[in-house]
C-alpha atoms as a PDB file:
ATOM      1  CA  UNK A   1     137.813  79.854  81.012  1.00  0.00           C
ATOM      2  CA  UNK A   2     135.595  79.116  84.086  1.00  0.00           C
ATOM      3  CA  UNK A   3     133.817  75.632  84.357  1.00  0.00           C
ATOM      4  CA  UNK A   4     130.255  75.852  84.155  1.00  0.00           C
ATOM      5  CA  UNK A   5     127.981  74.762  86.682  1.00  0.00           C
ATOM      6  CA  UNK A   6     124.005  74.425  86.179  1.00  0.00           C
ATOM      7  CA  UNK A   7     121.920  74.478  89.118  1.00  0.00           C
ATOM      8  CA  UNK A   8     117.893  73.492  89.417  1.00  0.00           C
ATOM      9  CA  UNK A   9     116.257  73.762  92.869  1.00  0.00           C
ATOM     10  CA  UNK A  10     114.756  76.332  95.159  1.00  0.00           C
ATOM     11  CA  UNK A  11     115.584  79.724  96.242  1.00  0.00           C
ATOM     12  CA  UNK A  12     115.245  82.737  98.373  1.00  0.00           C
ATOM     13  CA  UNK A  13     113.271  84.975  98.483  1.00  0.00           C
ATOM     14  CA  UNK A  14     110.580  83.024  96.025  1.00  0.00           C
ATOM     15  CA  UNK A  15     110.794  80.057  98.590  1.00  0.00           C
ATOM     16  CA  UNK A  16     111.897  80.593 102.058  1.00  0.00           C
ATOM     17  CA  UNK A  17     113.471  77.602 103.894  1.00  0.00           C
ATOM     18  CA  UNK A  18     116.747  75.845 105.377  1.00  0.00           C
ATOM     19  CA  UNK A  19     117.161  74.098 101.773  1.00  0.00           C
ATOM     20  CA  UNK A  20     116.698  76.918  99.709  1.00  0.00           C
ATOM     21  CA  UNK A  21     118.910  79.091 101.967  1.00  0.00           C
ATOM     22  CA  UNK A  22     121.308  76.574 101.889  1.00  0.00           C
ATOM     23  CA  UNK A  23     121.181  76.228  97.901  1.00  0.00           C
ATOM     24  CA  UNK A  24     121.916  79.803  97.735  1.00  0.00           C
ATOM     25  CA  UNK A  25     124.843  79.969 100.055  1.00  0.00           C
ATOM     26  CA  UNK A  26     126.499  77.286  98.162  1.00  0.00           C
ATOM     27  CA  UNK A  27     125.550  78.899  94.765  1.00  0.00           C
ATOM     28  CA  UNK A  28     127.415  82.316  96.021  1.00  0.00           C
ATOM     29  CA  UNK A  29     130.634  79.959  97.194  1.00  0.00           C
ATOM     30  CA  UNK A  30     130.494  78.667  93.718  1.00  0.00           C
ATOM     31  CA  UNK A  31     130.362  81.801  91.705  1.00  0.00           C
ATOM     32  CA  UNK A  32     133.344  82.656  93.367  1.00  0.00           C
ATOM     33  CA  UNK A  33     135.581  80.211  90.799  1.00  0.00           C
ATOM     34  CA  UNK A  34     132.757  78.748  88.777  1.00  0.00           C
ATOM     35  CA  UNK A  35     130.523  80.558  85.854  1.00  0.00           C
ATOM     36  CA  UNK A  36     127.039  79.401  87.448  1.00  0.00           C
ATOM     37  CA  UNK A  37     123.583  78.926  85.235  1.00  0.00           C
ATOM     38  CA  UNK A  38     120.397  78.516  87.516  1.00  0.00           C
ATOM     39  CA  UNK A  39     117.012  77.191  86.782  1.00  0.00           C
ATOM     40  CA  UNK A  40     115.088  77.532  89.984  1.00  0.00           C
ATOM     41  CA  UNK A  41     112.404  75.343  90.890  1.00  0.00           C
ATOM     42  CA  UNK A  42     108.804  77.422  91.902  1.00  0.00           C
ATOM     43  CA  UNK A  43     106.776  74.679  92.374  1.00  0.00           C
ATOM     44  CA  UNK A  44     106.941  74.295  95.927  1.00  0.00           C
ATOM     45  CA  UNK A  45     103.685  74.483  98.213  1.00  0.00           C
ATOM     46  CA  UNK A  46     101.791  74.625  94.895  1.00  0.00           C
ATOM     47  CA  UNK A  47      98.789  72.289  93.498  1.00  0.00           C
ATOM     48  CA  UNK A  48      99.800  68.981  91.135  1.00  0.00           C
ATOM     49  CA  UNK A  49      98.673  70.481  88.156  1.00  0.00           C
ATOM     50  CA  UNK A  50     100.284  74.099  88.784  1.00  0.00           C
ATOM     51  CA  UNK A  51     103.548  72.330  89.765  1.00  0.00           C
ATOM     52  CA  UNK A  52     103.743  69.962  87.009  1.00  0.00           C
ATOM     53  CA  UNK A  53     103.458  73.092  84.473  1.00  0.00           C
ATOM     54  CA  UNK A  54     105.762  75.263  86.480  1.00  0.00           C
ATOM     55  CA  UNK A  55     108.211  72.003  85.877  1.00  0.00           C
ATOM     56  CA  UNK A  56     107.855  71.620  82.676  1.00  0.00           C
ATOM     57  CA  UNK A  57     108.424  75.693  82.276  1.00  0.00           C
ATOM     58  CA  UNK A  58     112.097  74.926  84.223  1.00  0.00           C
ATOM     59  CA  UNK A  59     112.651  71.407  82.081  1.00  0.00           C
ATOM     60  CA  UNK A  60     112.577  74.046  78.967  1.00  0.00           C
ATOM     61  CA  UNK A  61     115.073  76.158  80.878  1.00  0.00           C
ATOM     62  CA  UNK A  62     117.250  73.229  81.565  1.00  0.00           C
ATOM     63  CA  UNK A  63     117.382  72.337  77.829  1.00  0.00           C
ATOM     64  CA  UNK A  64     118.503  75.804  76.664  1.00  0.00           C
ATOM     65  CA  UNK A  65     121.584  75.776  79.063  1.00  0.00           C
ATOM     66  CA  UNK A  66     122.125  72.235  78.371  1.00  0.00           C
ATOM     67  CA  UNK A  67     122.681  72.633  74.641  1.00  0.00           C
ATOM     68  CA  UNK A  68     126.207  74.621  75.180  1.00  0.00           C
ATOM     69  CA  UNK A  69     129.030  73.258  77.544  1.00  0.00           C
ATOM     70  CA  UNK A  70     127.942  71.978  81.092  1.00  0.00           C
ATOM     71  CA  UNK A  71     130.892  70.827  83.117  1.00  0.00           C
ATOM     72  CA  UNK A  72     128.672  70.344  86.383  1.00  0.00           C
ATOM     73  CA  UNK A  73     124.830  69.918  87.260  1.00  0.00           C
ATOM     74  CA  UNK A  74     123.928  70.379  90.671  1.00  0.00           C
ATOM     75  CA  UNK A  75     120.749  69.484  92.199  1.00  0.00           C
ATOM     76  CA  UNK A  76     118.725  68.565  95.400  1.00  0.00           C
ATOM     77  CA  UNK A  77     118.033  65.020  96.151  1.00  0.00           C
ATOM     78  CA  UNK A  78     114.003  64.983  97.584  1.00  0.00           C
ATOM     79  CA  UNK A  79     113.081  62.643  99.772  1.00  0.00           C
ATOM     80  CA  UNK A  80     109.375  62.201  98.052  1.00  0.00           C
ATOM     81  CA  UNK A  81     108.582  60.099  95.371  1.00  0.00           C
ATOM     82  CA  UNK A  82     107.220  62.837  93.404  1.00  0.00           C
ATOM     83  CA  UNK A  83     110.023  65.080  94.022  1.00  0.00           C
ATOM     84  CA  UNK A  84     112.893  62.429  92.801  1.00  0.00           C
ATOM     85  CA  UNK A  85     110.973  61.598  89.649  1.00  0.00           C
ATOM     86  CA  UNK A  86     111.371  65.213  88.759  1.00  0.00           C
ATOM     87  CA  UNK A  87     114.981  65.398  89.423  1.00  0.00           C
ATOM     88  CA  UNK A  88     115.675  62.174  87.539  1.00  0.00           C
ATOM     89  CA  UNK A  89     113.489  63.519  84.873  1.00  0.00           C
ATOM     90  CA  UNK A  90     115.942  66.831  84.612  1.00  0.00           C
ATOM     91  CA  UNK A  91     118.824  64.847  85.233  1.00  0.00           C
ATOM     92  CA  UNK A  92     118.143  62.532  82.453  1.00  0.00           C
ATOM     93  CA  UNK A  93     117.607  65.638  80.259  1.00  0.00           C
ATOM     94  CA  UNK A  94     120.909  67.107  81.024  1.00  0.00           C
ATOM     95  CA  UNK A  95     123.031  63.872  80.239  1.00  0.00           C
ATOM     96  CA  UNK A  96     121.270  63.715  76.776  1.00  0.00           C
ATOM     97  CA  UNK A  97     122.271  66.947  75.864  1.00  0.00           C
ATOM     98  CA  UNK A  98     125.213  67.181  77.860  1.00  0.00           C
ATOM     99  CA  UNK A  99     126.639  63.555  77.906  1.00  0.00           C
ATOM    100  CA  UNK A 100     130.098  64.718  79.283  1.00  0.00           C
ATOM    101  CA  UNK A 101     128.308  66.539  82.903  1.00  0.00           C
ATOM    102  CA  UNK A 102     129.063  65.300  85.715  1.00  0.00           C
ATOM    103  CA  UNK A 103     126.063  64.964  88.268  1.00  0.00           C
ATOM    104  CA  UNK A 104     126.052  66.035  91.853  1.00  0.00           C
ATOM    105  CA  UNK A 105     122.960  66.156  94.058  1.00  0.00           C
ATOM    106  CA  UNK A 106     122.813  67.203  97.629  1.00  0.00           C
ATOM    107  CA  UNK A 107     120.500  65.564 100.308  1.00  0.00           C
ATOM    108  CA  UNK A 108     119.015  68.005 102.729  1.00  0.00           C
ATOM    109  CA  UNK A 109     117.314  65.711 105.059  1.00  0.00           C
ATOM    110  CA  UNK A 110     117.610  63.183 107.470  1.00  0.00           C
ATOM    111  CA  UNK A 111     114.913  60.613 106.635  1.00  0.00           C
ATOM    112  CA  UNK A 112     116.601  58.723 103.908  1.00  0.00           C
ATOM    113  CA  UNK A 113     115.551  55.320 106.010  1.00  0.00           C
ATOM    114  CA  UNK A 114     111.990  56.592 106.087  1.00  0.00           C
ATOM    115  CA  UNK A 115     111.883  57.278 102.317  1.00  0.00           C
ATOM    116  CA  UNK A 116     113.272  54.235 101.100  1.00  0.00           C
ATOM    117  CA  UNK A 117     111.054  51.766 103.284  1.00  0.00           C
ATOM    118  CA  UNK A 118     108.294  52.281 100.451  1.00  0.00           C
ATOM    119  CA  UNK A 119     108.950  50.198  97.558  1.00  0.00           C
ATOM    120  CA  UNK A 120     108.082  52.729  94.717  1.00  0.00           C
ATOM    121  CA  UNK A 121     110.661  55.094  96.211  1.00  0.00           C
ATOM    122  CA  UNK A 122     113.273  52.095  96.297  1.00  0.00           C
ATOM    123  CA  UNK A 123     112.251  51.684  92.495  1.00  0.00           C
ATOM    124  CA  UNK A 124     112.734  55.190  91.543  1.00  0.00           C
ATOM    125  CA  UNK A 125     116.439  55.702  93.699  1.00  0.00           C
ATOM    126  CA  UNK A 126     118.072  52.681  92.097  1.00  0.00           C
ATOM    127  CA  UNK A 127     117.353  53.994  88.749  1.00  0.00           C
ATOM    128  CA  UNK A 128     118.291  57.565  90.009  1.00  0.00           C
ATOM    129  CA  UNK A 129     121.314  56.177  91.462  1.00  0.00           C
ATOM    130  CA  UNK A 130     122.563  54.948  88.293  1.00  0.00           C
ATOM    131  CA  UNK A 131     123.010  58.293  86.953  1.00  0.00           C
ATOM    132  CA  UNK A 132     124.782  60.705  89.385  1.00  0.00           C
ATOM    133  CA  UNK A 133     128.374  60.920  90.103  1.00  0.00           C
ATOM    134  CA  UNK A 134     128.430  62.416  93.478  1.00  0.00           C
ATOM    135  CA  UNK A 135     125.654  62.589  96.740  1.00  0.00           C
ATOM    136  CA  UNK A 136     126.210  65.218  99.147  1.00  0.00           C
ATOM    137  CA  UNK A 137     124.902  64.438 102.675  1.00  0.00           C
ATOM    138  CA  UNK A 138     125.050  66.499 106.059  1.00  0.00           C
ATOM    139  CA  UNK A 139     126.404  64.144 108.431  1.00  0.00           C
ATOM    140  CA  UNK A 140     128.279  60.956 108.754  1.00  0.00           C
ATOM    141  CA  UNK A 141     124.967  58.934 109.830  1.00  0.00           C
ATOM    142  CA  UNK A 142     123.005  59.676 106.331  1.00  0.00           C
ATOM    143  CA  UNK A 143     126.047  58.479 104.637  1.00  0.00           C
ATOM    144  CA  UNK A 144     125.774  55.288 106.376  1.00  0.00           C
ATOM    145  CA  UNK A 145     122.255  54.875 106.031  1.00  0.00           C
ATOM    146  CA  UNK A 146     122.985  55.032 101.868  1.00  0.00           C
ATOM    147  CA  UNK A 147     125.817  53.036 101.657  1.00  0.00           C
ATOM    148  CA  UNK A 148     124.514  50.310 103.965  1.00  0.00           C
ATOM    149  CA  UNK A 149     121.150  49.878 101.418  1.00  0.00           C
ATOM    150  CA  UNK A 150     123.245  50.652  98.154  1.00  0.00           C
ATOM    151  CA  UNK A 151     126.694  49.443  98.790  1.00  0.00           C
ATOM    152  CA  UNK A 152     127.772  50.304  95.337  1.00  0.00           C
ATOM    153  CA  UNK A 153     127.274  54.062  96.107  1.00  0.00           C
ATOM    154  CA  UNK A 154     130.273  53.630  98.587  1.00  0.00           C
ATOM    155  CA  UNK A 155     132.520  56.042  96.613  1.00  0.00           C
ATOM    156  CA  UNK A 156     129.619  58.624  95.740  1.00  0.00           C
ATOM    157  CA  UNK A 157     128.391  59.648  98.798  1.00  0.00           C
ATOM    158  CA  UNK A 158     130.416  62.128 100.384  1.00  0.00           C
ATOM    159  CA  UNK A 159     129.821  64.704 103.542  1.00  0.00           C
ATOM    160  CA  UNK A 160     129.622  68.469 103.657  1.00  0.00           C
ATOM    161  CA  UNK A 161     128.472  69.601 106.692  1.00  0.00           C
ATOM    162  CA  UNK A 162     125.793  72.218 106.824  1.00  0.00           C
ATOM    163  CA  UNK A 163     126.613  76.021 107.679  1.00  0.00           C
ATOM    164  CA  UNK A 164     124.704  79.645 107.684  1.00  0.00           C
ATOM    165  CA  UNK A 165     125.891  83.082 105.820  1.00  0.00           C
ATOM    166  CA  UNK A 166     125.703  85.712 108.678  1.00  0.00           C
ATOM    167  CA  UNK A 167     125.395  89.396 108.075  1.00  0.00           C
ATOM    168  CA  UNK A 168     127.825  90.041 111.098  1.00  0.00           C
ATOM    169  CA  UNK A 169     130.355  87.560 110.822  1.00  0.00           C
ATOM    170  CA  UNK A 170     132.533  88.900 113.874  1.00  0.00           C
ATOM    171  CA  UNK A 171     132.877  86.065 116.412  1.00  0.00           C
ATOM    172  CA  UNK A 172     131.753  87.422 119.601  1.00  0.00           C
ATOM    173  CA  UNK A 173     131.874  85.362 122.230  1.00  0.00           C
ATOM    174  CA  UNK A 174     129.149  85.502 124.841  1.00  0.00           C
ATOM    175  CA  UNK A 175     129.686  87.275 127.951  1.00  0.00           C
ATOM    176  CA  UNK A 176     128.412  88.371 131.345  1.00  0.00           C
ATOM    177  CA  UNK A 177     126.592  91.419 129.811  1.00  0.00           C
ATOM    178  CA  UNK A 178     124.467  89.418 127.940  1.00  0.00           C
ATOM    179  CA  UNK A 179     122.877  88.305 131.010  1.00  0.00           C
ATOM    180  CA  UNK A 180     119.161  89.573 131.940  1.00  0.00           C
ATOM    181  CA  UNK A 181     115.802  88.756 132.739  1.00  0.00           C
ATOM    182  CA  UNK A 182     113.879  89.649 130.119  1.00  0.00           C
ATOM    183  CA  UNK A 183     114.628  86.917 127.133  1.00  0.00           C
ATOM    184  CA  UNK A 184     111.886  85.213 125.743  1.00  0.00           C
ATOM    185  CA  UNK A 185     112.215  82.019 124.048  1.00  0.00           C
ATOM    186  CA  UNK A 186     111.876  82.214 120.194  1.00  0.00           C
ATOM    187  CA  UNK A 187     111.051  79.826 117.516  1.00  0.00           C
ATOM    188  CA  UNK A 188     111.690  80.362 114.094  1.00  0.00           C
ATOM    189  CA  UNK A 189     110.241  78.546 111.628  1.00  0.00           C
ATOM    190  CA  UNK A 190     107.553  78.506 108.786  1.00  0.00           C
ATOM    191  CA  UNK A 191     103.939  78.094 110.023  1.00  0.00           C
ATOM    192  CA  UNK A 192     103.181  74.670 109.186  1.00  0.00           C
ATOM    193  CA  UNK A 193     101.170  71.871 110.709  1.00  0.00           C
ATOM    194  CA  UNK A 194     104.273  69.373 110.261  1.00  0.00           C
ATOM    195  CA  UNK A 195     106.509  71.703 112.431  1.00  0.00           C
ATOM    196  CA  UNK A 196     103.999  71.243 115.484  1.00  0.00           C
ATOM    197  CA  UNK A 197     104.102  75.082 116.386  1.00  0.00           C
ATOM    198  CA  UNK A 198     100.568  74.151 117.836  1.00  0.00           C
ATOM    199  CA  UNK A 199     102.101  71.951 119.998  1.00  0.00           C
ATOM    200  CA  UNK A 200     104.423  74.509 121.480  1.00  0.00           C
ATOM    201  CA  UNK A 201     101.607  77.376 121.450  1.00  0.00           C
ATOM    202  CA  UNK A 202      99.573  74.573 124.068  1.00  0.00           C
ATOM    203  CA  UNK A 203     102.761  74.172 125.982  1.00  0.00           C
ATOM    204  CA  UNK A 204     103.188  77.870 126.506  1.00  0.00           C
ATOM    205  CA  UNK A 205      99.744  78.835 127.360  1.00  0.00           C
ATOM    206  CA  UNK A 206     100.036  75.887 130.187  1.00  0.00           C
ATOM    207  CA  UNK A 207     102.890  77.807 132.152  1.00  0.00           C
ATOM    208  CA  UNK A 208     102.708  81.264 132.947  1.00  0.00           C
ATOM    209  CA  UNK A 209     106.394  82.042 132.791  1.00  0.00           C
ATOM    210  CA  UNK A 210     107.089  80.375 128.799  1.00  0.00           C
ATOM    211  CA  UNK A 211     106.695  83.643 126.753  1.00  0.00           C
ATOM    212  CA  UNK A 212     107.341  82.569 122.780  1.00  0.00           C
ATOM    213  CA  UNK A 213     108.079  84.727 119.870  1.00  0.00           C
ATOM    214  CA  UNK A 214     107.492  83.020 116.807  1.00  0.00           C
ATOM    215  CA  UNK A 215     108.600  84.132 113.067  1.00  0.00           C
ATOM    216  CA  UNK A 216     108.116  82.622 109.885  1.00  0.00           C
ATOM    217  CA  UNK A 217     105.842  82.757 106.546  1.00  0.00           C
ATOM    218  CA  UNK A 218     102.359  82.705 107.222  1.00  0.00           C
ATOM    219  CA  UNK A 219     101.201  80.359 104.108  1.00  0.00           C
ATOM    220  CA  UNK A 220      98.331  78.693 105.665  1.00  0.00           C
ATOM    221  CA  UNK A 221      95.856  81.510 107.298  1.00  0.00           C
ATOM    222  CA  UNK A 222      93.730  78.593 108.896  1.00  0.00           C
ATOM    223  CA  UNK A 223      96.828  77.477 110.603  1.00  0.00           C
ATOM    224  CA  UNK A 224      97.339  80.792 111.708  1.00  0.00           C
ATOM    225  CA  UNK A 225      93.731  80.994 112.967  1.00  0.00           C
ATOM    226  CA  UNK A 226      94.311  77.775 114.875  1.00  0.00           C
ATOM    227  CA  UNK A 227      97.179  79.031 116.712  1.00  0.00           C
ATOM    228  CA  UNK A 228      95.423  82.175 117.695  1.00  0.00           C
ATOM    229  CA  UNK A 229      92.785  80.136 119.128  1.00  0.00           C
ATOM    230  CA  UNK A 230      95.080  78.330 121.129  1.00  0.00           C
ATOM    231  CA  UNK A 231      96.984  81.279 122.460  1.00  0.00           C
ATOM    232  CA  UNK A 232      94.566  81.747 125.203  1.00  0.00           C
ATOM    233  CA  UNK A 233      96.709  83.100 127.650  1.00  0.00           C
ATOM    234  CA  UNK A 234      98.874  85.666 125.065  1.00  0.00           C
ATOM    235  CA  UNK A 235     101.836  83.839 125.824  1.00  0.00           C
ATOM    236  CA  UNK A 236     102.620  83.866 121.855  1.00  0.00           C
ATOM    237  CA  UNK A 237     103.677  86.709 119.348  1.00  0.00           C
ATOM    238  CA  UNK A 238     103.257  85.373 115.949  1.00  0.00           C
ATOM    239  CA  UNK A 239     104.951  87.513 113.352  1.00  0.00           C
ATOM    240  CA  UNK A 240     106.223  87.307 109.635  1.00  0.00           C
ATOM    241  CA  UNK A 241     109.522  86.100 108.173  1.00  0.00           C
ATOM    242  CA  UNK A 242     112.603  87.786 109.650  1.00  0.00           C
ATOM    243  CA  UNK A 243     115.799  88.168 107.947  1.00  0.00           C
ATOM    244  CA  UNK A 244     119.567  89.573 108.239  1.00  0.00           C
ATOM    245  CA  UNK A 245     120.886  91.353 110.934  1.00  0.00           C
ATOM    246  CA  UNK A 246     117.571  91.818 112.277  1.00  0.00           C
ATOM    247  CA  UNK A 247     117.186  87.944 112.765  1.00  0.00           C
ATOM    248  CA  UNK A 248     120.619  87.636 114.116  1.00  0.00           C
ATOM    249  CA  UNK A 249     119.820  90.275 116.645  1.00  0.00           C
ATOM    250  CA  UNK A 250     116.351  88.574 117.378  1.00  0.00           C
ATOM    251  CA  UNK A 251     118.214  84.969 117.982  1.00  0.00           C
ATOM    252  CA  UNK A 252     120.781  86.495 119.942  1.00  0.00           C
ATOM    253  CA  UNK A 253     118.348  88.150 122.821  1.00  0.00           C
ATOM    254  CA  UNK A 254     116.753  84.986 122.962  1.00  0.00           C
ATOM    255  CA  UNK A 255     116.831  82.812 126.228  1.00  0.00           C
ATOM    256  CA  UNK A 256     116.467  79.882 123.557  1.00  0.00           C
ATOM    257  CA  UNK A 257     115.330  78.817 120.373  1.00  0.00           C
ATOM    258  CA  UNK A 258     112.714  76.042 120.385  1.00  0.00           C
ATOM    259  CA  UNK A 259     112.387  73.639 117.632  1.00  0.00           C
ATOM    260  CA  UNK A 260     109.389  71.374 118.072  1.00  0.00           C
ATOM    261  CA  UNK A 261     109.653  69.519 114.769  1.00  0.00           C
ATOM    262  CA  UNK A 262     110.159  65.674 114.832  1.00  0.00           C
ATOM    263  CA  UNK A 263     110.524  65.526 111.382  1.00  0.00           C
ATOM    264  CA  UNK A 264     114.086  67.251 110.155  1.00  0.00           C
ATOM    265  CA  UNK A 265     117.566  66.646 108.479  1.00  0.00           C
ATOM    266  CA  UNK A 266     119.631  69.462 110.032  1.00  0.00           C
ATOM    267  CA  UNK A 267     117.835  72.793 110.336  1.00  0.00           C
ATOM    268  CA  UNK A 268     120.186  75.826 109.565  1.00  0.00           C
ATOM    269  CA  UNK A 269     117.888  77.803 112.401  1.00  0.00           C
ATOM    270  CA  UNK A 270     120.279  75.421 114.855  1.00  0.00           C
ATOM    271  CA  UNK A 271     123.084  76.649 113.270  1.00  0.00           C
ATOM    272  CA  UNK A 272     121.952  80.237 113.227  1.00  0.00           C
ATOM    273  CA  UNK A 273     121.296  80.195 116.882  1.00  0.00           C
ATOM    274  CA  UNK A 274     124.546  78.686 117.786  1.00  0.00           C
ATOM    275  CA  UNK A 275     126.594  80.930 116.025  1.00  0.00           C
ATOM    276  CA  UNK A 276     124.977  83.582 118.142  1.00  0.00           C
ATOM    277  CA  UNK A 277     125.577  81.753 121.164  1.00  0.00           C
ATOM    278  CA  UNK A 278     122.044  81.183 122.000  1.00  0.00           C
ATOM    279  CA  UNK A 279     121.717  77.568 123.209  1.00  0.00           C
ATOM    280  CA  UNK A 280     119.108  75.690 121.138  1.00  0.00           C
ATOM    281  CA  UNK A 281     116.385  72.655 122.730  1.00  0.00           C
ATOM    282  CA  UNK A 282     115.090  70.452 120.018  1.00  0.00           C
ATOM    283  CA  UNK A 283     114.166  66.581 119.560  1.00  0.00           C
ATOM    284  CA  UNK A 284     117.093  64.426 119.247  1.00  0.00           C
ATOM    285  CA  UNK A 285     116.187  63.281 115.459  1.00  0.00           C
ATOM    286  CA  UNK A 286     117.578  63.532 111.808  1.00  0.00           C
ATOM    287  CA  UNK A 287     121.074  64.477 111.549  1.00  0.00           C
ATOM    288  CA  UNK A 288     121.028  66.780 114.547  1.00  0.00           C
ATOM    289  CA  UNK A 289     122.931  64.955 117.285  1.00  0.00           C
ATOM    290  CA  UNK A 290     125.966  64.806 114.387  1.00  0.00           C
ATOM    291  CA  UNK A 291     126.101  68.774 114.525  1.00  0.00           C
ATOM    292  CA  UNK A 292     125.432  69.063 118.225  1.00  0.00           C
ATOM    293  CA  UNK A 293     127.036  65.948 119.826  1.00  0.00           C
ATOM    294  CA  UNK A 294     124.705  63.350 121.716  1.00  0.00           C
ATOM    295  CA  UNK A 295     125.494  65.329 124.804  1.00  0.00           C
ATOM    296  CA  UNK A 296     124.824  68.877 123.938  1.00  0.00           C
ATOM    297  CA  UNK A 297     122.328  69.984 127.045  1.00  0.00           C
ATOM    298  CA  UNK A 298     119.362  70.968 124.845  1.00  0.00           C
ATOM    299  CA  UNK A 299     118.892  67.746 123.190  1.00  0.00           C
ATOM    300  CA  UNK A 300     115.505  66.366 124.174  1.00  0.00           C
ATOM    301  CA  UNK A 301     115.868  62.487 123.962  1.00  0.00           C
ATOM    302  CA  UNK A 302     112.572  61.442 124.692  1.00  0.00           C
ATOM    303  CA  UNK A 303     109.842  62.435 122.012  1.00  0.00           C
ATOM    304  CA  UNK A 304     107.435  63.690 123.774  1.00  0.00           C
ATOM    305  CA  UNK A 305     105.557  67.028 124.585  1.00  0.00           C
ATOM    306  CA  UNK A 306     106.496  66.447 127.994  1.00  0.00           C
ATOM    307  CA  UNK A 307     110.020  65.877 127.839  1.00  0.00           C
ATOM    308  CA  UNK A 308     110.586  69.404 125.584  1.00  0.00           C
ATOM    309  CA  UNK A 309     108.562  71.064 128.508  1.00  0.00           C
ATOM    310  CA  UNK A 310     111.024  69.679 131.073  1.00  0.00           C
ATOM    311  CA  UNK A 311     113.951  71.017 128.845  1.00  0.00           C
ATOM    312  CA  UNK A 312     112.502  74.467 128.671  1.00  0.00           C
ATOM    313  CA  UNK A 313     111.807  74.343 132.554  1.00  0.00           C
ATOM    314  CA  UNK A 314     115.493  73.314 132.887  1.00  0.00           C
ATOM    315  CA  UNK A 315     116.719  76.238 131.001  1.00  0.00           C
ATOM    316  CA  UNK A 316     114.459  78.567 132.704  1.00  0.00           C
ATOM    317  CA  UNK A 317     115.880  77.542 136.098  1.00  0.00           C
ATOM    318  CA  UNK A 318     119.492  77.408 135.800  1.00  0.00           C
ATOM    319  CA  UNK A 319     121.682  79.891 137.478  1.00  0.00           C
ATOM    320  CA  UNK A 320     123.257  82.784 135.400  1.00  0.00           C
ATOM    321  CA  UNK A 321     126.568  81.291 135.701  1.00  0.00           C
ATOM    322  CA  UNK A 322     125.429  78.192 134.282  1.00  0.00           C
ATOM    323  CA  UNK A 323     123.138  79.883 131.469  1.00  0.00           C
ATOM    324  CA  UNK A 324     126.405  81.745 130.606  1.00  0.00           C
ATOM    325  CA  UNK A 325     128.820  78.504 130.512  1.00  0.00           C
ATOM    326  CA  UNK A 326     125.807  76.838 128.176  1.00  0.00           C
ATOM    327  CA  UNK A 327     125.951  80.114 125.739  1.00  0.00           C
ATOM    328  CA  UNK A 328     129.591  79.766 125.647  1.00  0.00           C
ATOM    329  CA  UNK A 329     129.594  76.146 124.863  1.00  0.00           C
ATOM    330  CA  UNK A 330     126.773  76.525 122.202  1.00  0.00           C
ATOM    331  CA  UNK A 331     128.937  79.356 120.533  1.00  0.00           C
ATOM    332  CA  UNK A 332     132.202  77.431 120.619  1.00  0.00           C
ATOM    333  CA  UNK A 333     130.502  74.416 118.838  1.00  0.00           C
ATOM    334  CA  UNK A 334     129.478  76.635 115.696  1.00  0.00           C
ATOM    335  CA  UNK A 335     132.771  78.725 115.374  1.00  0.00           C
ATOM    336  CA  UNK A 336     135.146  75.613 115.804  1.00  0.00           C
ATOM    337  CA  UNK A 337     133.111  73.352 113.570  1.00  0.00           C
ATOM    338  CA  UNK A 338     130.858  75.331 111.483  1.00  0.00           C
ATOM    339  CA  UNK A 339     132.886  78.522 110.412  1.00  0.00           C
ATOM    340  CA  UNK A 340     131.564  79.536 107.190  1.00  0.00           C
ATOM    341  CA  UNK A 341     134.778  80.413 105.575  1.00  0.00           C
ATOM    342  CA  UNK A 342     135.932  76.984 106.677  1.00  0.00           C
ATOM    343  CA  UNK A 343     133.108  75.108 104.582  1.00  0.00           C
ATOM    344  CA  UNK A 344     133.484  77.558 101.778  1.00  0.00           C
ATOM    345  CA  UNK A 345     136.920  75.989 101.063  1.00  0.00           C
ATOM    346  CA  UNK A 346     135.269  72.310 101.959  1.00  0.00           C
ATOM    347  CA  UNK A 347     132.563  73.283  99.167  1.00  0.00           C
ATOM    348  CA  UNK A 348     135.178  74.384  96.602  1.00  0.00           C
ATOM    349  CA  UNK A 349     137.257  71.178  97.053  1.00  0.00           C
ATOM    350  CA  UNK A 350     134.569  68.700  96.583  1.00  0.00           C
ATOM    351  CA  UNK A 351     133.157  70.663  93.308  1.00  0.00           C
ATOM    352  CA  UNK A 352     137.009  70.858  92.131  1.00  0.00           C
ATOM    353  CA  UNK A 353     137.544  66.997  92.588  1.00  0.00           C
ATOM    354  CA  UNK A 354     134.454  66.273  89.707  1.00  0.00           C
END
């Protein structure tokens, strides 16, 4: 008989961001060996009252599933007080009804130190840590940050690198046929103020050669209007969510992927870009340098818009030979280290050990 895994968290297509996509990928791997029960968290981007009502509904479903035999309870580790309180309540609920269940939580973000700097957050995390059996983190840096603050968690934190599922899994190395002058910069993220898209729009409209395509969920119409007003020279195109082969092709045909956010852990879009051999320009924040390496050419070390602009100018000015070399470097970085097939084995090995 297959062991049972109970999952609680956000999933696409209702919630479409890096964490939900990672959840979906990991559950797909687990289904090859485990019986997986899902309780979807639908409260993202909702008002507090409505979110609470949806949480109660999810909790009822968790109770229903926990009345049977559950071997593993898998859920995300949010970096917000309200989010961690919800997760803590779900763990207590599952453990009361199924005491032998092992609890695995997944930290997808890279801002644990910021979260832990607030007393109320430390209070709930100290309660939380006593109820879990394993914390999955994205990088060695995240692991060190947690264990240096909570040494008792030393043997309960393990690194599970991120990766992405690809429609076209054939790893075709970049070639000279990919060189052309029509490539545009590309930014793939939801239209949220925190992603600093407006900074990128201002930057593009101050440089007549920086054409940028955007794709993402338009959840805030006021912000979209703001972006359109900033696009004074029509240097930017704002399109909706894109997925599958269409997304992979658009990434592959981009000059570079741009990530202007300064609040990230390890965005999946970076790995999506590297998998196609498309260079990435992003700030050195969160776990990003652990994945790219501190010497990756597109890593912006100074956290300023001007430093980001200079990196775009650099990649726009290099020779075809240098650009092709950068694409090969990006491509090899993904397929040598984050091949989905290899990491699927790591997922199963981690869950099997519990």
